[in-house]
């Protein structure tokens, strides 16, 4: 190896090829910077050996790395290019791939690409950027119904979705649940992928699970809801969704773990009488001193008596 080039042996399923690359270009990648330092410390190792790399994709990677340009690159070539950019730590090139991928993603390919490359940093970034910019159009695509639960989870966790009509998300979750569940629900291994969903998305998804009698999906929604319930929102959610079996179960399971803490919340005084009756009917022993419950119920009754309520 001279001062300006590096010899690289690539191995793709037994097929090997020797490539000569510019040291200056390679040093823009974290992976190659580290490997070149190793070679300099061990000059007897004359070549870098890289496995599981398609030669054509690697040549394109080197070309784009040298030019720092990915324009006019076809979509089929952008995918392996973005993958190699992530693998070799070429952050600048990876960001260029994101920019170019967003121009090539459409209703015809975005859900399949997002689903297939969910664990690929730059491809996922490109898909999510596009999905957040015109959410309603993509939700209406039949291909949305074919994604995996893990992909749905990531999508529902996005911070900002461009939607005028939020009910469309509920409707699409309904369709997705109906298509992908039966009375026996999804396989358990698939259910375990449904984690990290935002609270605003969990509510309609839980409603869908109940509507289509998807028992296992409902149970996993309960588990996710419990992670999102707190003293700041539990009484409001419990009150608003009292008729929803899974949401009510999640609220009661949380309320029964530390009842006194939740009773201290001023929001407890805002619930409807029907919600209070439901809570009293199903609560267990989350109180060290049950007299505390009597005190808070008295406070609740007193509050209602001073307003236009059933106690007035």
Protein backbone atom coordinates (compact mmCIF):
# COMPACT_ATOMS: atom_id res chain seq x y z
CA UNK A 1 0.00 0.00 0.00
CA UNK A 2 1.45 3.40 -1.00
CA UNK A 3 0.61 6.72 0.57
CA UNK A 4 -2.26 7.49 -1.79
CA UNK A 5 -4.13 4.23 -2.37
CA UNK A 6 -5.49 1.25 -0.50
CA UNK A 7 -5.86 -2.29 -1.80
CA UNK A 8 -9.20 -3.83 -0.97
CA UNK A 9 -10.23 -7.45 -1.50
CA UNK A 10 -14.00 -7.84 -1.59
CA UNK A 11 -15.64 -11.21 -1.17
CA UNK A 12 -19.19 -11.77 -2.33
CA UNK A 13 -20.30 -15.34 -1.63
CA UNK A 14 -16.95 -16.81 -2.66
CA UNK A 15 -16.36 -14.47 -5.60
CA UNK A 16 -13.40 -12.19 -4.86
CA UNK A 17 -12.21 -9.05 -6.57
CA UNK A 18 -9.30 -6.73 -5.86
CA UNK A 19 -10.09 -3.03 -5.87
CA UNK A 20 -7.73 -0.07 -5.59
CA UNK A 21 -9.23 2.95 -3.88
CA UNK A 22 -8.10 6.42 -2.97
CA UNK A 23 -6.96 6.62 0.62
CA UNK A 24 -8.18 10.23 0.80
CA UNK A 25 -11.68 9.19 -0.30
CA UNK A 26 -11.85 6.23 2.07
CA UNK A 27 -10.81 8.32 5.06
CA UNK A 28 -14.14 10.12 4.81
CA UNK A 29 -15.69 6.92 6.18
CA UNK A 30 -15.31 6.00 9.85
CA UNK A 31 -14.99 2.29 9.04
CA UNK A 32 -12.14 2.78 6.59
CA UNK A 33 -10.36 5.32 8.77
CA UNK A 34 -10.12 2.70 11.49
CA UNK A 35 -9.07 -0.04 9.08
CA UNK A 36 -6.38 2.12 7.44
CA UNK A 37 -4.91 2.90 10.86
CA UNK A 38 -4.71 -0.85 11.50
CA UNK A 39 -2.92 -1.39 8.19
CA UNK A 40 -0.42 1.35 9.00
CA UNK A 41 0.35 -0.36 12.30
CA UNK A 42 0.68 -3.74 10.56
CA UNK A 43 2.25 -3.09 7.15
CA UNK A 44 2.57 -6.84 6.56
CA UNK A 45 -1.19 -6.87 5.99
CA UNK A 46 -1.18 -5.50 2.48
CA UNK A 47 -4.90 -5.48 1.80
CA UNK A 48 -8.24 -4.76 3.43
CA UNK A 49 -10.58 -7.75 3.30
CA UNK A 50 -14.31 -7.08 3.16
CA UNK A 51 -17.00 -9.77 3.06
CA UNK A 52 -20.56 -9.81 1.74
CA UNK A 53 -20.29 -6.87 -0.62
CA UNK A 54 -21.65 -6.85 -4.14
CA UNK A 55 -18.81 -5.70 -6.46
CA UNK A 56 -21.04 -3.48 -8.62
CA UNK A 57 -22.56 -1.83 -5.56
CA UNK A 58 -19.12 -1.28 -4.04
CA UNK A 59 -17.74 0.28 -7.25
CA UNK A 60 -20.74 2.62 -7.30
CA UNK A 61 -20.14 3.43 -3.64
CA UNK A 62 -16.52 4.39 -4.36
CA UNK A 63 -17.55 6.48 -7.37
CA UNK A 64 -20.18 8.41 -5.40
CA UNK A 65 -17.82 8.76 -2.45
CA UNK A 66 -15.16 10.29 -4.70
CA UNK A 67 -17.55 12.72 -6.39
CA UNK A 68 -19.59 13.29 -3.23
CA UNK A 69 -22.58 13.13 -5.54
CA UNK A 70 -25.51 10.72 -5.93
CA UNK A 71 -27.70 12.65 -8.38
CA UNK A 72 -29.22 10.71 -11.28
CA UNK A 73 -28.58 7.46 -9.42
CA UNK A 74 -31.39 4.99 -10.15
CA UNK A 75 -33.61 3.87 -7.29
CA UNK A 76 -32.39 0.25 -7.50
CA UNK A 77 -28.82 1.51 -7.07
CA UNK A 78 -29.69 3.99 -4.31
CA UNK A 79 -30.82 1.23 -1.95
CA UNK A 80 -27.47 -0.64 -1.79
CA UNK A 81 -25.63 2.69 -1.86
CA UNK A 82 -27.50 3.89 1.25
CA UNK A 83 -26.90 0.52 2.90
CA UNK A 84 -23.14 0.68 2.26
CA UNK A 85 -23.01 4.31 3.41
CA UNK A 86 -24.42 3.20 6.74
CA UNK A 87 -22.22 0.11 6.97
CA UNK A 88 -19.01 2.03 6.32
CA UNK A 89 -19.90 5.15 8.28
CA UNK A 90 -20.06 7.50 5.29
CA UNK A 91 -22.42 9.95 6.96
CA UNK A 92 -22.21 12.71 4.35
CA UNK A 93 -22.90 10.25 1.54
CA UNK A 94 -25.71 8.70 3.55
CA UNK A 95 -27.43 12.06 3.92
CA UNK A 96 -27.12 12.63 0.18
CA UNK A 97 -28.79 9.25 -0.33
CA UNK A 98 -31.67 10.32 1.89
CA UNK A 99 -32.17 13.46 -0.19
CA UNK A 100 -32.13 11.52 -3.46
CA UNK A 101 -34.31 8.69 -2.13
CA UNK A 102 -37.07 11.13 -1.16
CA UNK A 103 -37.35 12.08 -4.85
CA UNK A 104 -37.79 8.44 -5.84
CA UNK A 105 -40.30 7.28 -3.24
CA UNK A 106 -43.95 7.14 -4.22
CA UNK A 107 -47.20 5.41 -3.38
CA UNK A 108 -46.03 2.49 -5.51
CA UNK A 109 -42.88 1.69 -3.54
CA UNK A 110 -42.74 3.53 -0.21
CA UNK A 111 -44.50 1.02 2.05
CA UNK A 112 -42.62 -1.96 0.63
CA UNK A 113 -39.30 -0.09 0.93
CA UNK A 114 -40.08 1.11 4.48
CA UNK A 115 -41.11 -2.39 5.51
CA UNK A 116 -38.15 -4.17 3.93
CA UNK A 117 -35.45 -1.74 5.08
CA UNK A 118 -36.85 -0.69 8.45
CA UNK A 119 -33.50 -1.32 10.14
CA UNK A 120 -31.55 0.64 7.54
CA UNK A 121 -30.83 4.10 8.92
CA UNK A 122 -30.79 6.23 5.78
CA UNK A 123 -33.52 4.38 3.89
CA UNK A 124 -35.82 4.61 6.92
CA UNK A 125 -35.09 8.32 7.31
CA UNK A 126 -36.01 8.92 3.67
CA UNK A 127 -39.24 6.91 3.93
CA UNK A 128 -40.34 8.63 7.12
CA UNK A 129 -39.56 12.08 5.75
CA UNK A 130 -41.82 11.40 2.77
CA UNK A 131 -44.53 9.71 4.85
CA UNK A 132 -44.69 12.70 7.18
CA UNK A 133 -45.02 15.15 4.30
CA UNK A 134 -48.14 13.66 2.68
CA UNK A 135 -49.50 11.14 5.14
CA UNK A 136 -53.09 10.96 3.94
CA UNK A 137 -52.12 10.02 0.38
CA UNK A 138 -49.93 7.15 1.54
CA UNK A 139 -52.40 5.87 4.14
CA UNK A 140 -54.95 5.42 1.38
CA UNK A 141 -52.61 3.09 -0.49
CA UNK A 142 -53.62 -0.61 -0.36
CA UNK A 143 -49.93 -1.40 0.21
CA UNK A 144 -50.21 0.11 3.70
CA UNK A 145 -52.17 -2.98 4.73
CA UNK A 146 -49.25 -5.27 3.83
CA UNK A 147 -46.66 -3.88 6.22
CA UNK A 148 -45.50 -5.79 9.30
CA UNK A 149 -46.62 -4.86 12.85
CA UNK A 150 -43.10 -3.63 13.63
CA UNK A 151 -43.26 -1.24 10.67
CA UNK A 152 -46.70 -0.03 11.75
CA UNK A 153 -45.29 0.58 15.22
CA UNK A 154 -42.49 2.77 13.82
CA UNK A 155 -44.91 4.67 11.60
CA UNK A 156 -47.32 5.38 14.46
CA UNK A 157 -44.40 6.60 16.56
CA UNK A 158 -43.52 9.42 14.14
CA UNK A 159 -43.73 12.83 15.77
CA UNK A 160 -45.59 14.64 13.03
CA UNK A 161 -48.02 13.26 10.48
CA UNK A 162 -49.45 15.57 7.83
CA UNK A 163 -53.16 14.93 8.21
CA UNK A 164 -56.14 17.25 7.96
CA UNK A 165 -58.57 14.56 9.03
CA UNK A 166 -57.21 12.60 12.01
CA UNK A 167 -60.09 10.14 11.76
CA UNK A 168 -58.41 8.72 8.65
CA UNK A 169 -55.73 7.25 10.90
CA UNK A 170 -58.42 5.51 12.94
CA UNK A 171 -60.08 4.22 9.79
CA UNK A 172 -56.80 2.90 8.39
CA UNK A 173 -55.90 1.26 11.69
CA UNK A 174 -59.31 -0.40 11.54
CA UNK A 175 -58.62 -1.71 8.05
CA UNK A 176 -55.13 -2.87 9.00
CA UNK A 177 -56.35 -4.68 12.09
CA UNK A 178 -59.24 -6.30 10.23
CA UNK A 179 -56.94 -7.54 7.45
CA UNK A 180 -54.14 -8.76 9.69
CA UNK A 181 -56.06 -10.31 12.56
CA UNK A 182 -58.63 -13.00 13.09
CA UNK A 183 -60.38 -14.24 16.20
CA UNK A 184 -57.08 -15.91 17.06
CA UNK A 185 -55.21 -12.68 16.26
CA UNK A 186 -51.69 -12.27 14.93
CA UNK A 187 -48.96 -14.77 15.82
CA UNK A 188 -47.48 -14.00 19.20
CA UNK A 189 -44.02 -13.34 17.74
CA UNK A 190 -45.57 -10.64 15.54
CA UNK A 191 -47.47 -9.09 18.45
CA UNK A 192 -44.23 -8.61 20.34
CA UNK A 193 -43.02 -6.27 17.62
CA UNK A 194 -45.82 -3.80 18.37
CA UNK A 195 -43.98 -1.65 20.90
CA UNK A 196 -43.18 2.00 21.32
CA UNK A 197 -46.43 3.28 19.78
CA UNK A 198 -47.43 6.81 20.74
CA UNK A 199 -50.47 7.22 23.03
CA UNK A 200 -52.46 9.13 20.40
CA UNK A 201 -52.03 6.22 18.00
CA UNK A 202 -52.56 3.51 20.62
CA UNK A 203 -56.09 4.70 21.35
CA UNK A 204 -57.48 4.06 17.83
CA UNK A 205 -55.40 0.90 17.46
CA UNK A 206 -56.80 -0.44 20.73
CA UNK A 207 -60.30 0.44 19.58
CA UNK A 208 -59.65 -1.51 16.37
CA UNK A 209 -58.47 -4.54 18.33
CA UNK A 210 -61.69 -4.48 20.32
CA UNK A 211 -63.89 -3.90 17.31
CA UNK A 212 -62.49 -6.92 15.48
CA UNK A 213 -62.18 -9.13 18.56
CA UNK A 214 -58.39 -9.33 18.19
CA UNK A 215 -57.72 -10.60 21.70
CA UNK A 216 -53.92 -10.89 21.60
CA UNK A 217 -53.53 -7.55 19.85
CA UNK A 218 -55.77 -6.05 22.51
CA UNK A 219 -53.63 -7.52 25.28
CA UNK A 220 -50.46 -6.06 23.80
CA UNK A 221 -52.18 -2.70 23.35
CA UNK A 222 -53.08 -2.85 27.05
CA UNK A 223 -49.44 -3.43 27.94
CA UNK A 224 -48.34 -0.49 25.79
CA UNK A 225 -51.09 1.76 27.18
CA UNK A 226 -49.98 1.02 30.72
CA UNK A 227 -46.52 2.39 29.89
CA UNK A 228 -48.09 5.65 28.72
CA UNK A 229 -50.59 6.24 31.52
CA UNK A 230 -49.67 8.64 34.32
CA UNK A 231 -51.21 10.85 36.96
CA UNK A 232 -51.48 13.55 34.28
CA UNK A 233 -53.70 11.66 31.84
CA UNK A 234 -55.16 8.52 33.37
CA UNK A 235 -58.43 9.92 34.75
CA UNK A 236 -59.22 11.80 31.54
CA UNK A 237 -58.54 8.72 29.38
CA UNK A 238 -60.46 6.42 31.73
CA UNK A 239 -63.41 8.82 31.75
CA UNK A 240 -63.44 9.41 27.99
CA UNK A 241 -63.03 5.75 26.99
CA UNK A 242 -65.08 4.06 29.69
CA UNK A 243 -66.91 1.97 27.10
CA UNK A 244 -63.66 0.63 25.63
CA UNK A 245 -62.87 -2.70 27.28
CA UNK A 246 -59.13 -2.76 26.63
CA UNK A 247 -58.54 0.89 27.53
CA UNK A 248 -60.56 0.49 30.72
CA UNK A 249 -58.60 -2.63 31.67
CA UNK A 250 -55.31 -0.75 31.16
CA UNK A 251 -56.50 2.17 33.29
CA UNK A 252 -57.75 -0.06 36.10
CA UNK A 253 -54.57 -2.14 36.17
CA UNK A 254 -52.51 1.04 36.57
CA UNK A 255 -54.90 2.62 39.07
CA UNK A 256 -54.76 -0.48 41.22
CA UNK A 257 -50.98 -0.36 41.51
CA UNK A 258 -50.76 2.95 43.35
CA UNK A 259 -54.31 4.05 44.03
CA UNK A 260 -53.61 6.72 46.63
CA UNK A 261 -51.22 8.60 44.35
CA UNK A 262 -53.84 8.77 41.60
CA UNK A 263 -56.61 9.74 44.01
CA UNK A 264 -54.58 12.79 45.01
CA UNK A 265 -54.75 14.11 41.46
CA UNK A 266 -57.20 17.03 41.03
CA UNK A 267 -58.29 15.31 37.81
CA UNK A 268 -59.98 12.61 39.90
CA UNK A 269 -62.60 15.19 40.85
CA UNK A 270 -63.45 15.82 37.18
CA UNK A 271 -64.55 12.30 36.26
CA UNK A 272 -68.19 11.41 35.68
CA UNK A 273 -70.22 9.58 38.29
CA UNK A 274 -70.43 6.55 35.98
CA UNK A 275 -66.62 6.42 35.84
CA UNK A 276 -66.38 6.65 39.62
CA UNK A 277 -68.86 3.78 40.01
CA UNK A 278 -66.88 1.68 37.56
CA UNK A 279 -63.66 2.44 39.42
CA UNK A 280 -65.17 1.52 42.79
CA UNK A 281 -66.63 -1.68 41.37
CA UNK A 282 -63.38 -3.03 39.99
CA UNK A 283 -60.66 -1.55 42.18
CA UNK A 284 -58.59 -3.97 44.22
CA UNK A 285 -56.39 -3.27 47.22
CA UNK A 286 -54.03 -0.56 46.03
CA UNK A 287 -54.55 1.33 49.28
CA UNK A 288 -52.72 0.79 52.56
CA UNK A 289 -55.52 2.63 54.34
CA UNK A 290 -58.97 2.27 52.80
CA UNK A 291 -60.20 5.26 54.83
CA UNK A 292 -58.30 7.36 52.30
CA UNK A 293 -60.75 6.23 49.61
CA UNK A 294 -63.68 7.35 51.75
CA UNK A 295 -62.06 10.77 52.21
CA UNK A 296 -61.54 11.26 48.47
CA UNK A 297 -65.03 10.07 47.65
CA UNK A 298 -66.37 12.61 50.16
CA UNK A 299 -64.29 15.29 48.45
CA UNK A 300 -65.64 14.17 45.07
CA UNK A 301 -69.24 14.32 46.36
CA UNK A 302 -68.64 17.73 47.91
CA UNK A 303 -67.25 19.07 44.64
CA UNK A 304 -70.23 17.83 42.68
CA UNK A 305 -72.72 19.24 45.21
CA UNK A 306 -71.37 22.73 44.61
CA UNK A 307 -71.90 22.40 40.88
CA UNK A 308 -74.74 21.39 38.60
CA UNK A 309 -74.28 17.67 38.99
CA UNK A 310 -76.25 14.61 39.91
CA UNK A 311 -75.59 15.46 43.54
CA UNK A 312 -77.10 18.95 43.30
